[in-house]
Amino acid sequence: MKGKGVSYCAVCDGPLFRQKIVAVVGVGDPSLDAALLLKGIASKVYIIYQTNTPIGTEETIRLLQRDENNVSFISNSIVKAINGTLKVESLTLTNAKTKSSSSSSSQSKLDVDGVFVEMGYIAKTDFVKGLVQLNNSNEIIVDKYCATSRQGIFAAGDVTDVPYKQAVISAGQGSIAALSAYNFIQKLKGGKSPPIKADWKSSTSSNR
């Protein structure tokens, strides 16, 4: 059902569910942030989590709880199945405490048009541990030139410590890293870095 109602990015796909019923499944701030965004788009947002109370920033939880008509918290629940034919139509939920799914009484059905899976992410950077500096989330620390702590090594994309993990941001970082790497090689060869030409005119131009 990926692309047919199942999404892993509320920022990317949220607008596709305007005035529709959606569920956010996950834990912690990633799920709460997604719900906060979606509540201004969807007609109804269900937040499904396995614990007694939602886990995350208290301020975000309060903001969501304040909007009772648009947001509903469903605690102690596990998504057992995502149902639908051509697109998502409903979720089958089971009780997280009993973890029993053998009887129909332990299950419930929730009609939704879409489900957002928001579990956070893990940066797969084990291959550079000890080579470049990482932060507490194992993301590669870079500067504005996408340079790492090790000279001559540049990084771009979701593995870096730059916030907002979006494809367009990763693509921009990729361009910065590539130009930085090229300039680094030019300097090693004893040459000068070529000037970067802009596609806009200087504000001091007489043609402004």
N, C-alpha and C. Protein backbone atom coordinates (compact mmCIF):
# COMPACT_ATOMS: atom_id res chain seq x y z
N MET A 1 0.82 -1.22 0.00
CA MET A 1 0.00 0.00 0.00
C MET A 1 0.86 1.28 0.00
N LYS A 2 2.16 1.15 -0.11
CA LYS A 2 2.99 2.34 -0.16
C LYS A 2 2.64 3.14 -1.42
N GLY A 3 2.37 4.43 -1.23
CA GLY A 3 1.96 5.26 -2.34
C GLY A 3 0.47 5.16 -2.63
N LYS A 4 -0.22 4.29 -1.90
CA LYS A 4 -1.66 4.13 -2.08
C LYS A 4 -2.39 4.40 -0.76
N GLY A 5 -1.76 5.22 0.06
CA GLY A 5 -2.34 5.54 1.35
C GLY A 5 -1.36 5.38 2.49
N VAL A 6 -0.30 4.62 2.26
CA VAL A 6 0.75 4.46 3.26
C VAL A 6 1.90 5.40 2.93
N SER A 7 2.28 6.22 3.89
CA SER A 7 3.35 7.19 3.67
C SER A 7 4.33 7.16 4.83
N TYR A 8 5.56 7.53 4.53
CA TYR A 8 6.60 7.62 5.56
C TYR A 8 7.09 9.05 5.72
N CYS A 9 6.33 10.01 5.15
CA CYS A 9 6.74 11.40 5.22
C CYS A 9 5.52 12.31 5.20
N ALA A 10 5.17 12.86 6.36
CA ALA A 10 4.01 13.74 6.46
C ALA A 10 4.24 15.05 5.71
N VAL A 11 5.46 15.54 5.74
CA VAL A 11 5.79 16.78 5.05
C VAL A 11 5.61 16.61 3.54
N CYS A 12 6.03 15.45 3.03
CA CYS A 12 5.97 15.20 1.58
C CYS A 12 4.53 14.95 1.12
N ASP A 13 3.83 14.07 1.81
CA ASP A 13 2.54 13.56 1.32
C ASP A 13 1.32 14.12 2.03
N GLY A 14 1.52 14.87 3.09
CA GLY A 14 0.39 15.40 3.84
C GLY A 14 -0.65 16.12 2.99
N PRO A 15 -0.24 17.01 2.07
CA PRO A 15 -1.21 17.75 1.27
C PRO A 15 -2.11 16.87 0.42
N LEU A 16 -1.71 15.62 0.16
CA LEU A 16 -2.53 14.71 -0.63
C LEU A 16 -3.75 14.22 0.14
N PHE A 17 -3.78 14.47 1.45
CA PHE A 17 -4.86 13.96 2.30
C PHE A 17 -5.69 15.09 2.89
N ARG A 18 -5.81 16.16 2.13
CA ARG A 18 -6.62 17.30 2.59
C ARG A 18 -8.07 16.87 2.79
N GLN A 19 -8.59 17.17 3.98
CA GLN A 19 -9.98 16.85 4.36
C GLN A 19 -10.27 15.35 4.32
N LYS A 20 -9.24 14.55 4.55
CA LYS A 20 -9.41 13.10 4.66
C LYS A 20 -9.05 12.63 6.06
N ILE A 21 -9.37 11.38 6.36
CA ILE A 21 -9.10 10.81 7.68
C ILE A 21 -7.79 10.04 7.63
N VAL A 22 -6.87 10.39 8.53
CA VAL A 22 -5.56 9.74 8.52
C VAL A 22 -5.19 9.26 9.93
N ALA A 23 -4.25 8.34 9.96
CA ALA A 23 -3.70 7.85 11.22
C ALA A 23 -2.20 8.01 11.20
N VAL A 24 -1.64 8.37 12.35
CA VAL A 24 -0.19 8.45 12.51
C VAL A 24 0.23 7.34 13.45
N VAL A 25 1.11 6.47 13.00
CA VAL A 25 1.58 5.34 13.80
C VAL A 25 3.06 5.53 14.07
N GLY A 26 3.44 5.54 15.33
CA GLY A 26 4.85 5.72 15.63
C GLY A 26 5.08 5.96 17.10
N VAL A 27 6.19 6.59 17.40
CA VAL A 27 6.53 6.84 18.79
C VAL A 27 7.37 8.11 18.88
N GLY A 28 7.18 8.84 19.97
CA GLY A 28 8.02 10.00 20.23
C GLY A 28 7.69 11.20 19.37
N ASP A 29 8.62 12.14 19.35
CA ASP A 29 8.42 13.40 18.64
C ASP A 29 8.20 13.26 17.14
N PRO A 30 8.81 12.29 16.44
CA PRO A 30 8.52 12.16 15.01
C PRO A 30 7.03 11.99 14.72
N SER A 31 6.35 11.16 15.50
CA SER A 31 4.92 10.94 15.27
C SER A 31 4.10 12.16 15.69
N LEU A 32 4.48 12.80 16.78
CA LEU A 32 3.75 13.98 17.25
C LEU A 32 3.91 15.16 16.29
N ASP A 33 5.11 15.34 15.77
CA ASP A 33 5.35 16.42 14.82
C ASP A 33 4.54 16.20 13.55
N ALA A 34 4.47 14.94 13.12
CA ALA A 34 3.68 14.62 11.92
C ALA A 34 2.21 14.91 12.16
N ALA A 35 1.71 14.54 13.34
CA ALA A 35 0.30 14.79 13.67
C ALA A 35 0.02 16.28 13.75
N LEU A 36 0.97 17.04 14.27
CA LEU A 36 0.80 18.49 14.39
C LEU A 36 0.67 19.12 13.00
N LEU A 37 1.44 18.62 12.06
CA LEU A 37 1.36 19.12 10.69
C LEU A 37 0.04 18.70 10.03
N LEU A 38 -0.32 17.44 10.21
CA LEU A 38 -1.49 16.88 9.53
C LEU A 38 -2.81 17.42 10.04
N LYS A 39 -2.85 17.85 11.28
CA LYS A 39 -4.13 18.32 11.84
C LYS A 39 -4.64 19.58 11.16
N GLY A 40 -3.74 20.29 10.51
CA GLY A 40 -4.14 21.46 9.75
C GLY A 40 -4.51 21.15 8.32
N ILE A 41 -4.39 19.87 7.95
CA ILE A 41 -4.67 19.45 6.57
C ILE A 41 -5.84 18.47 6.51
N ALA A 42 -5.75 17.41 7.33
CA ALA A 42 -6.77 16.35 7.31
C ALA A 42 -8.00 16.75 8.11
N SER A 43 -9.11 16.07 7.83
CA SER A 43 -10.34 16.33 8.58
C SER A 43 -10.30 15.66 9.95
N LYS A 44 -9.50 14.58 10.06
CA LYS A 44 -9.37 13.86 11.34
C LYS A 44 -8.01 13.18 11.38
N VAL A 45 -7.35 13.29 12.54
CA VAL A 45 -6.05 12.65 12.72
C VAL A 45 -6.10 11.75 13.96
N TYR A 46 -5.82 10.47 13.76
CA TYR A 46 -5.70 9.52 14.87
C TYR A 46 -4.22 9.29 15.15
N ILE A 47 -3.84 9.39 16.42
CA ILE A 47 -2.46 9.12 16.82
C ILE A 47 -2.45 7.79 17.57
N ILE A 48 -1.81 6.79 16.98
CA ILE A 48 -1.83 5.44 17.54
C ILE A 48 -0.46 5.11 18.14
N TYR A 49 -0.46 4.67 19.40
CA TYR A 49 0.80 4.34 20.07
C TYR A 49 0.57 3.20 21.06
N GLN A 50 1.65 2.52 21.41
CA GLN A 50 1.55 1.29 22.19
C GLN A 50 1.56 1.51 23.71
N THR A 51 1.90 2.72 24.14
CA THR A 51 2.02 3.00 25.57
C THR A 51 0.72 3.56 26.15
N ASN A 52 0.70 3.72 27.48
CA ASN A 52 -0.48 4.28 28.15
C ASN A 52 -0.67 5.75 27.78
N THR A 53 0.43 6.47 27.72
CA THR A 53 0.39 7.91 27.41
C THR A 53 1.35 8.18 26.25
N PRO A 54 1.08 9.22 25.47
CA PRO A 54 1.99 9.55 24.37
C PRO A 54 3.36 9.96 24.87
N ILE A 55 4.38 9.62 24.12
CA ILE A 55 5.75 9.95 24.50
C ILE A 55 6.25 11.05 23.57
N GLY A 56 6.77 12.12 24.15
CA GLY A 56 7.30 13.21 23.34
C GLY A 56 7.30 14.51 24.09
N THR A 57 7.56 15.58 23.38
CA THR A 57 7.61 16.90 23.98
C THR A 57 6.25 17.29 24.56
N GLU A 58 6.23 17.70 25.82
CA GLU A 58 4.97 18.02 26.49
C GLU A 58 4.21 19.14 25.80
N GLU A 59 4.92 20.13 25.32
CA GLU A 59 4.26 21.25 24.65
C GLU A 59 3.52 20.77 23.39
N THR A 60 4.15 19.89 22.63
CA THR A 60 3.51 19.36 21.42
C THR A 60 2.29 18.54 21.77
N ILE A 61 2.40 17.73 22.83
CA ILE A 61 1.26 16.92 23.27
C ILE A 61 0.09 17.81 23.67
N ARG A 62 0.39 18.89 24.38
CA ARG A 62 -0.68 19.82 24.80
C ARG A 62 -1.35 20.47 23.59
N LEU A 63 -0.58 20.85 22.60
CA LEU A 63 -1.13 21.47 21.41
C LEU A 63 -2.08 20.51 20.68
N LEU A 64 -1.72 19.24 20.65
CA LEU A 64 -2.55 18.25 19.99
C LEU A 64 -3.80 17.93 20.81
N GLN A 65 -3.64 17.84 22.12
CA GLN A 65 -4.79 17.54 22.98
C GLN A 65 -5.80 18.68 22.98
N ARG A 66 -5.34 19.88 22.70
CA ARG A 66 -6.21 21.05 22.69
C ARG A 66 -7.23 20.98 21.54
N ASP A 67 -6.86 20.27 20.48
CA ASP A 67 -7.71 20.19 19.30
C ASP A 67 -8.48 18.87 19.33
N GLU A 68 -9.43 18.74 20.24
CA GLU A 68 -10.15 17.48 20.46
C GLU A 68 -11.03 17.09 19.27
N ASN A 69 -11.55 18.06 18.55
CA ASN A 69 -12.44 17.75 17.43
C ASN A 69 -11.70 17.15 16.24
N ASN A 70 -10.45 17.52 16.10
CA ASN A 70 -9.67 17.11 14.93
C ASN A 70 -8.68 15.99 15.23
N VAL A 71 -8.25 15.87 16.49
CA VAL A 71 -7.21 14.91 16.87
C VAL A 71 -7.71 13.96 17.94
N SER A 72 -7.46 12.66 17.74
CA SER A 72 -7.81 11.64 18.75
C SER A 72 -6.60 10.78 19.05
N PHE A 73 -6.34 10.56 20.34
CA PHE A 73 -5.25 9.69 20.77
C PHE A 73 -5.79 8.28 21.00
N ILE A 74 -5.12 7.29 20.44
CA ILE A 74 -5.50 5.89 20.64
C ILE A 74 -4.33 5.19 21.30
N SER A 75 -4.44 4.97 22.61
CA SER A 75 -3.34 4.40 23.38
C SER A 75 -3.39 2.87 23.40
N ASN A 76 -2.30 2.26 23.88
CA ASN A 76 -2.21 0.80 24.07
C ASN A 76 -2.68 0.04 22.84
N SER A 77 -2.28 0.49 21.68
CA SER A 77 -2.75 -0.14 20.44
C SER A 77 -1.61 -0.45 19.48
N ILE A 78 -1.76 -1.56 18.80
CA ILE A 78 -0.80 -2.00 17.79
C ILE A 78 -1.55 -2.17 16.47
N VAL A 79 -0.97 -1.69 15.39
CA VAL A 79 -1.57 -1.90 14.08
C VAL A 79 -1.24 -3.32 13.63
N LYS A 80 -2.27 -4.14 13.58
CA LYS A 80 -2.10 -5.53 13.19
C LYS A 80 -2.12 -5.68 11.67
N ALA A 81 -2.93 -4.87 11.01
CA ALA A 81 -3.04 -4.96 9.55
C ALA A 81 -3.49 -3.64 8.96
N ILE A 82 -3.04 -3.39 7.74
CA ILE A 82 -3.52 -2.27 6.94
C ILE A 82 -4.39 -2.87 5.83
N ASN A 83 -5.65 -2.48 5.81
CA ASN A 83 -6.61 -3.11 4.92
C ASN A 83 -6.99 -2.21 3.75
N GLY A 84 -7.29 -2.85 2.62
CA GLY A 84 -7.72 -2.11 1.45
C GLY A 84 -7.49 -2.92 0.19
N THR A 85 -8.08 -2.48 -0.90
CA THR A 85 -7.89 -3.16 -2.18
C THR A 85 -6.99 -2.31 -3.07
N LEU A 86 -7.54 -1.24 -3.63
CA LEU A 86 -6.74 -0.36 -4.47
C LEU A 86 -6.04 0.72 -3.66
N LYS A 87 -6.56 0.98 -2.45
CA LYS A 87 -5.96 1.98 -1.57
C LYS A 87 -6.29 1.64 -0.13
N VAL A 88 -5.66 2.35 0.80
CA VAL A 88 -5.92 2.11 2.23
C VAL A 88 -7.37 2.45 2.55
N GLU A 89 -8.02 1.53 3.26
CA GLU A 89 -9.42 1.74 3.65
C GLU A 89 -9.61 1.70 5.16
N SER A 90 -8.80 0.90 5.84
CA SER A 90 -8.94 0.80 7.29
C SER A 90 -7.71 0.17 7.91
N LEU A 91 -7.66 0.23 9.24
CA LEU A 91 -6.60 -0.42 10.03
C LEU A 91 -7.24 -1.41 10.98
N THR A 92 -6.58 -2.53 11.20
CA THR A 92 -6.99 -3.47 12.25
C THR A 92 -6.07 -3.26 13.44
N LEU A 93 -6.65 -2.89 14.57
CA LEU A 93 -5.87 -2.61 15.77
C LEU A 93 -6.05 -3.72 16.79
N THR A 94 -4.99 -4.01 17.52
CA THR A 94 -5.06 -4.99 18.59
C THR A 94 -4.50 -4.37 19.86
N ASN A 95 -4.92 -4.88 21.00
CA ASN A 95 -4.53 -4.32 22.29
C ASN A 95 -3.06 -4.62 22.59
N ALA A 96 -2.29 -3.58 22.90
CA ALA A 96 -0.86 -3.74 23.16
C ALA A 96 -0.59 -4.41 24.49
N LYS A 97 -1.53 -4.32 25.43
CA LYS A 97 -1.32 -4.92 26.75
C LYS A 97 -1.51 -6.42 26.71
N THR A 98 -2.62 -6.85 26.09
CA THR A 98 -2.89 -8.29 26.03
C THR A 98 -2.11 -8.96 24.92
N LYS A 99 -1.84 -8.18 23.84
CA LYS A 99 -1.14 -8.68 22.66
C LYS A 99 -1.81 -9.93 22.09
N SER A 100 -3.10 -10.00 22.32
CA SER A 100 -3.86 -11.15 21.82
C SER A 100 -4.60 -10.75 20.56
N SER A 101 -4.46 -11.51 19.52
CA SER A 101 -5.15 -11.23 18.27
C SER A 101 -5.97 -12.42 17.79
N SER A 102 -6.14 -13.42 18.66
CA SER A 102 -6.86 -14.64 18.27
C SER A 102 -8.36 -14.44 18.30
N SER A 103 -8.85 -13.57 19.17
CA SER A 103 -10.28 -13.36 19.27
C SER A 103 -10.67 -12.01 18.69
N SER A 104 -11.86 -11.95 18.11
CA SER A 104 -12.33 -10.72 17.50
C SER A 104 -12.55 -9.63 18.53
N SER A 105 -12.79 -10.02 19.78
CA SER A 105 -13.04 -9.02 20.82
C SER A 105 -11.80 -8.21 21.15
N SER A 106 -10.62 -8.75 20.85
CA SER A 106 -9.38 -8.04 21.16
C SER A 106 -8.95 -7.13 20.01
N GLN A 107 -9.73 -7.14 18.92
CA GLN A 107 -9.40 -6.35 17.76
C GLN A 107 -10.45 -5.28 17.51
N SER A 108 -10.02 -4.22 16.86
CA SER A 108 -10.96 -3.18 16.47
C SER A 108 -10.57 -2.68 15.08
N LYS A 109 -11.56 -2.15 14.37
CA LYS A 109 -11.32 -1.65 13.02
C LYS A 109 -11.44 -0.14 13.03
N LEU A 110 -10.50 0.53 12.36
CA LEU A 110 -10.49 1.98 12.29
C LEU A 110 -10.48 2.39 10.82
N ASP A 111 -11.54 3.05 10.38
CA ASP A 111 -11.63 3.50 8.98
C ASP A 111 -10.76 4.73 8.76
N VAL A 112 -9.82 4.62 7.84
CA VAL A 112 -8.93 5.74 7.51
C VAL A 112 -8.68 5.77 6.01
N ASP A 113 -8.27 6.92 5.53
CA ASP A 113 -7.89 7.06 4.12
C ASP A 113 -6.38 6.94 3.93
N GLY A 114 -5.65 7.14 5.01
CA GLY A 114 -4.20 7.06 4.91
C GLY A 114 -3.56 6.81 6.25
N VAL A 115 -2.35 6.27 6.22
CA VAL A 115 -1.61 6.02 7.45
C VAL A 115 -0.17 6.49 7.27
N PHE A 116 0.31 7.27 8.24
CA PHE A 116 1.67 7.79 8.21
C PHE A 116 2.50 7.06 9.26
N VAL A 117 3.53 6.38 8.80
CA VAL A 117 4.43 5.65 9.69
C VAL A 117 5.56 6.59 10.06
N GLU A 118 5.62 6.97 11.33
CA GLU A 118 6.61 7.94 11.80
C GLU A 118 7.35 7.38 13.01
N MET A 119 8.41 6.63 12.74
CA MET A 119 9.19 5.99 13.80
C MET A 119 10.54 6.65 14.01
N GLY A 120 10.77 7.77 13.30
CA GLY A 120 12.10 8.35 13.35
C GLY A 120 13.00 7.62 12.36
N TYR A 121 14.29 7.80 12.47
CA TYR A 121 15.20 7.17 11.53
C TYR A 121 16.53 6.88 12.21
N ILE A 122 17.31 6.01 11.59
CA ILE A 122 18.65 5.69 12.08
C ILE A 122 19.64 5.97 10.96
N ALA A 123 20.61 6.81 11.24
CA ALA A 123 21.64 7.12 10.25
C ALA A 123 22.62 5.94 10.17
N LYS A 124 22.75 5.34 8.98
CA LYS A 124 23.63 4.19 8.80
C LYS A 124 25.04 4.68 8.48
N THR A 125 25.76 4.98 9.53
CA THR A 125 27.10 5.55 9.37
C THR A 125 28.19 4.70 10.02
N ASP A 126 27.90 3.43 10.28
CA ASP A 126 28.89 2.56 10.92
C ASP A 126 30.18 2.48 10.11
N PHE A 127 30.06 2.61 8.79
CA PHE A 127 31.23 2.46 7.93
C PHE A 127 32.21 3.62 8.04
N VAL A 128 31.80 4.73 8.68
CA VAL A 128 32.73 5.86 8.85
C VAL A 128 33.04 6.15 10.32
N LYS A 129 32.60 5.27 11.22
CA LYS A 129 32.92 5.46 12.64
C LYS A 129 34.43 5.39 12.84
N GLY A 130 34.95 6.37 13.56
CA GLY A 130 36.39 6.42 13.77
C GLY A 130 37.13 7.12 12.65
N LEU A 131 36.42 7.39 11.56
CA LEU A 131 37.03 8.08 10.43
C LEU A 131 36.68 9.56 10.43
N VAL A 132 35.40 9.86 10.67
CA VAL A 132 34.95 11.26 10.76
C VAL A 132 34.14 11.43 12.04
N GLN A 133 33.96 12.66 12.45
CA GLN A 133 33.24 12.94 13.70
C GLN A 133 31.74 12.79 13.50
N LEU A 134 31.10 12.09 14.45
CA LEU A 134 29.66 11.89 14.44
C LEU A 134 29.06 12.56 15.67
N ASN A 135 27.76 12.89 15.60
CA ASN A 135 27.09 13.43 16.78
C ASN A 135 26.44 12.30 17.57
N ASN A 136 25.66 12.63 18.59
CA ASN A 136 25.04 11.61 19.44
C ASN A 136 24.02 10.75 18.71
N SER A 137 23.54 11.23 17.57
CA SER A 137 22.59 10.46 16.77
C SER A 137 23.27 9.70 15.64
N ASN A 138 24.61 9.63 15.72
CA ASN A 138 25.43 8.96 14.71
C ASN A 138 25.32 9.60 13.33
N GLU A 139 24.97 10.89 13.30
CA GLU A 139 24.97 11.63 12.04
C GLU A 139 26.34 12.24 11.83
N ILE A 140 26.74 12.37 10.56
CA ILE A 140 28.05 12.94 10.24
C ILE A 140 27.98 14.46 10.39
N ILE A 141 28.88 15.00 11.17
CA ILE A 141 28.92 16.45 11.39
C ILE A 141 29.62 17.11 10.21
N VAL A 142 28.93 18.09 9.59
CA VAL A 142 29.51 18.81 8.46
C VAL A 142 29.38 20.31 8.67
N ASP A 143 30.21 21.06 7.95
CA ASP A 143 30.10 22.52 7.99
C ASP A 143 29.30 23.00 6.78
N LYS A 144 29.29 24.30 6.51
CA LYS A 144 28.48 24.83 5.42
C LYS A 144 28.99 24.41 4.05
N TYR A 145 30.22 23.89 3.99
CA TYR A 145 30.77 23.39 2.73
C TYR A 145 30.60 21.87 2.61
N CYS A 146 29.88 21.28 3.56
CA CYS A 146 29.68 19.83 3.62
C CYS A 146 30.98 19.08 3.89
N ALA A 147 31.94 19.78 4.49
CA ALA A 147 33.21 19.16 4.87
C ALA A 147 33.05 18.49 6.23
N THR A 148 33.66 17.31 6.37
CA THR A 148 33.63 16.58 7.62
C THR A 148 34.86 16.97 8.45
N SER A 149 35.03 16.29 9.56
CA SER A 149 36.18 16.56 10.43
C SER A 149 37.48 16.05 9.83
N ARG A 150 37.38 15.19 8.81
CA ARG A 150 38.58 14.65 8.17
C ARG A 150 38.81 15.38 6.83
N GLN A 151 39.99 15.95 6.69
CA GLN A 151 40.30 16.73 5.49
C GLN A 151 40.14 15.88 4.23
N GLY A 152 39.44 16.44 3.26
CA GLY A 152 39.27 15.74 1.99
C GLY A 152 38.05 14.83 1.92
N ILE A 153 37.32 14.72 3.02
CA ILE A 153 36.11 13.88 3.03
C ILE A 153 34.90 14.79 3.22
N PHE A 154 33.97 14.68 2.31
CA PHE A 154 32.75 15.49 2.33
C PHE A 154 31.54 14.57 2.41
N ALA A 155 30.46 15.07 2.99
CA ALA A 155 29.26 14.25 3.16
C ALA A 155 28.01 15.05 2.81
N ALA A 156 26.98 14.35 2.38
CA ALA A 156 25.73 15.00 2.02
C ALA A 156 24.56 14.06 2.26
N GLY A 157 23.39 14.64 2.45
CA GLY A 157 22.19 13.83 2.57
C GLY A 157 21.76 13.55 3.99
N ASP A 158 20.89 12.56 4.13
CA ASP A 158 20.27 12.26 5.42
C ASP A 158 21.26 11.77 6.48
N VAL A 159 22.45 11.35 6.07
CA VAL A 159 23.44 10.87 7.05
C VAL A 159 24.13 12.02 7.77
N THR A 160 23.93 13.26 7.31
CA THR A 160 24.59 14.40 7.95
C THR A 160 23.72 14.96 9.07
N ASP A 161 24.29 15.90 9.82
CA ASP A 161 23.57 16.49 10.95
C ASP A 161 22.69 17.67 10.55
N VAL A 162 22.54 17.91 9.26
CA VAL A 162 21.66 18.98 8.78
C VAL A 162 20.20 18.57 9.02
N PRO A 163 19.40 19.45 9.59
CA PRO A 163 18.00 19.09 9.88
C PRO A 163 17.15 19.03 8.61
N TYR A 164 15.90 18.59 8.79
CA TYR A 164 14.92 18.51 7.70
C TYR A 164 15.39 17.52 6.63
N LYS A 165 15.08 16.27 6.85
CA LYS A 165 15.52 15.20 5.95
C LYS A 165 14.58 15.12 4.75
N GLN A 166 14.88 15.90 3.74
CA GLN A 166 14.09 15.95 2.53
C GLN A 166 15.00 15.73 1.31
N ALA A 167 14.41 15.16 0.25
CA ALA A 167 15.18 14.87 -0.96
C ALA A 167 15.79 16.13 -1.56
N VAL A 168 15.02 17.21 -1.57
CA VAL A 168 15.51 18.45 -2.17
C VAL A 168 16.69 19.00 -1.38
N ILE A 169 16.67 18.84 -0.07
CA ILE A 169 17.78 19.31 0.76
C ILE A 169 19.02 18.44 0.53
N SER A 170 18.81 17.13 0.44
CA SER A 170 19.92 16.22 0.17
C SER A 170 20.56 16.52 -1.18
N ALA A 171 19.71 16.83 -2.18
CA ALA A 171 20.23 17.15 -3.51
C ALA A 171 21.07 18.41 -3.47
N GLY A 172 20.60 19.42 -2.71
CA GLY A 172 21.36 20.65 -2.58
C GLY A 172 22.69 20.42 -1.90
N GLN A 173 22.66 19.61 -0.85
CA GLN A 173 23.90 19.26 -0.15
C GLN A 173 24.85 18.52 -1.08
N GLY A 174 24.29 17.66 -1.92
CA GLY A 174 25.13 16.90 -2.85
C GLY A 174 25.90 17.83 -3.78
N SER A 175 25.22 18.89 -4.25
CA SER A 175 25.89 19.87 -5.12
C SER A 175 27.00 20.60 -4.37
N ILE A 176 26.71 20.98 -3.12
CA ILE A 176 27.72 21.67 -2.31
C ILE A 176 28.92 20.76 -2.07
N ALA A 177 28.65 19.51 -1.71
CA ALA A 177 29.74 18.57 -1.43
C ALA A 177 30.59 18.32 -2.68
N ALA A 178 29.93 18.20 -3.83
CA ALA A 178 30.66 17.94 -5.08
C ALA A 178 31.57 19.12 -5.44
N LEU A 179 31.03 20.35 -5.32
CA LEU A 179 31.84 21.53 -5.61
C LEU A 179 33.00 21.67 -4.63
N SER A 180 32.72 21.38 -3.37
CA SER A 180 33.77 21.46 -2.35
C SER A 180 34.86 20.44 -2.61
N ALA A 181 34.48 19.24 -2.99
CA ALA A 181 35.46 18.19 -3.29
C ALA A 181 36.31 18.57 -4.50
N TYR A 182 35.65 19.14 -5.52
CA TYR A 182 36.37 19.56 -6.72
C TYR A 182 37.39 20.65 -6.39
N ASN A 183 36.96 21.64 -5.61
CA ASN A 183 37.86 22.72 -5.22
C ASN A 183 39.02 22.21 -4.38
N PHE A 184 38.74 21.21 -3.53
CA PHE A 184 39.79 20.62 -2.70
C PHE A 184 40.85 19.95 -3.58
N ILE A 185 40.42 19.24 -4.62
CA ILE A 185 41.35 18.57 -5.53
C ILE A 185 42.16 19.59 -6.32
N GLN A 186 41.49 20.69 -6.73
CA GLN A 186 42.20 21.73 -7.47
C GLN A 186 43.33 22.34 -6.64
N LYS A 187 43.05 22.54 -5.37
CA LYS A 187 44.07 23.10 -4.48
C LYS A 187 45.24 22.14 -4.30
N LEU A 188 44.94 20.83 -4.25
CA LEU A 188 46.01 19.83 -4.13
C LEU A 188 46.92 19.86 -5.35
N LYS A 189 46.34 20.19 -6.50
CA LYS A 189 47.10 20.25 -7.74
C LYS A 189 47.86 21.57 -7.89
N GLY A 190 47.63 22.45 -6.92
CA GLY A 190 48.31 23.73 -6.97
C GLY A 190 47.59 24.78 -7.77
N GLY A 191 46.39 24.48 -8.19
CA GLY A 191 45.63 25.44 -8.96
C GLY A 191 44.70 26.24 -8.08
N LYS A 192 44.01 27.18 -8.68
CA LYS A 192 43.05 27.99 -7.97
C LYS A 192 41.65 27.46 -8.19
N SER A 193 40.82 27.65 -7.20
CA SER A 193 39.43 27.25 -7.34
C SER A 193 38.75 28.16 -8.35
N PRO A 194 38.03 27.58 -9.31
CA PRO A 194 37.36 28.42 -10.31
C PRO A 194 36.26 29.24 -9.67
N PRO A 195 36.06 30.47 -10.17
CA PRO A 195 34.98 31.29 -9.61
C PRO A 195 33.63 30.67 -9.93
N ILE A 196 32.72 30.78 -8.99
CA ILE A 196 31.37 30.25 -9.19
C ILE A 196 30.50 31.37 -9.72
N LYS A 197 30.01 31.19 -10.93
CA LYS A 197 29.19 32.22 -11.57
C LYS A 197 27.74 32.11 -11.11
N ALA A 198 27.17 33.24 -10.75
CA ALA A 198 25.78 33.26 -10.32
C ALA A 198 24.88 33.56 -11.50
N ASP A 199 23.61 33.11 -11.41
CA ASP A 199 22.67 33.37 -12.48
C ASP A 199 21.78 34.57 -12.17
N TRP A 200 22.26 35.41 -11.24
CA TRP A 200 21.54 36.64 -10.91
C TRP A 200 22.52 37.79 -10.99
N LYS A 201 22.01 38.99 -11.24
CA LYS A 201 22.86 40.16 -11.37
C LYS A 201 23.12 40.80 -10.01
N SER A 202 24.27 41.41 -9.89
CA SER A 202 24.61 42.10 -8.65
C SER A 202 23.65 43.25 -8.40
N SER A 203 23.35 43.49 -7.13
CA SER A 203 22.45 44.58 -6.77
C SER A 203 23.06 45.95 -7.11
N THR A 204 24.38 45.97 -7.38
CA THR A 204 25.03 47.23 -7.73
C THR A 204 24.98 47.50 -9.22
N SER A 205 24.43 46.55 -9.97
CA SER A 205 24.36 46.70 -11.42
C SER A 205 23.44 47.84 -11.81
N SER A 206 23.79 48.50 -12.88
CA SER A 206 22.96 49.62 -13.35
C SER A 206 21.66 49.13 -13.98
N ASN A 207 21.60 47.83 -14.25
CA ASN A 207 20.41 47.26 -14.90
C ASN A 207 19.41 46.69 -13.90
N ARG A 208 19.60 46.98 -12.63
CA ARG A 208 18.70 46.42 -11.64
C ARG A 208 17.33 47.04 -11.76
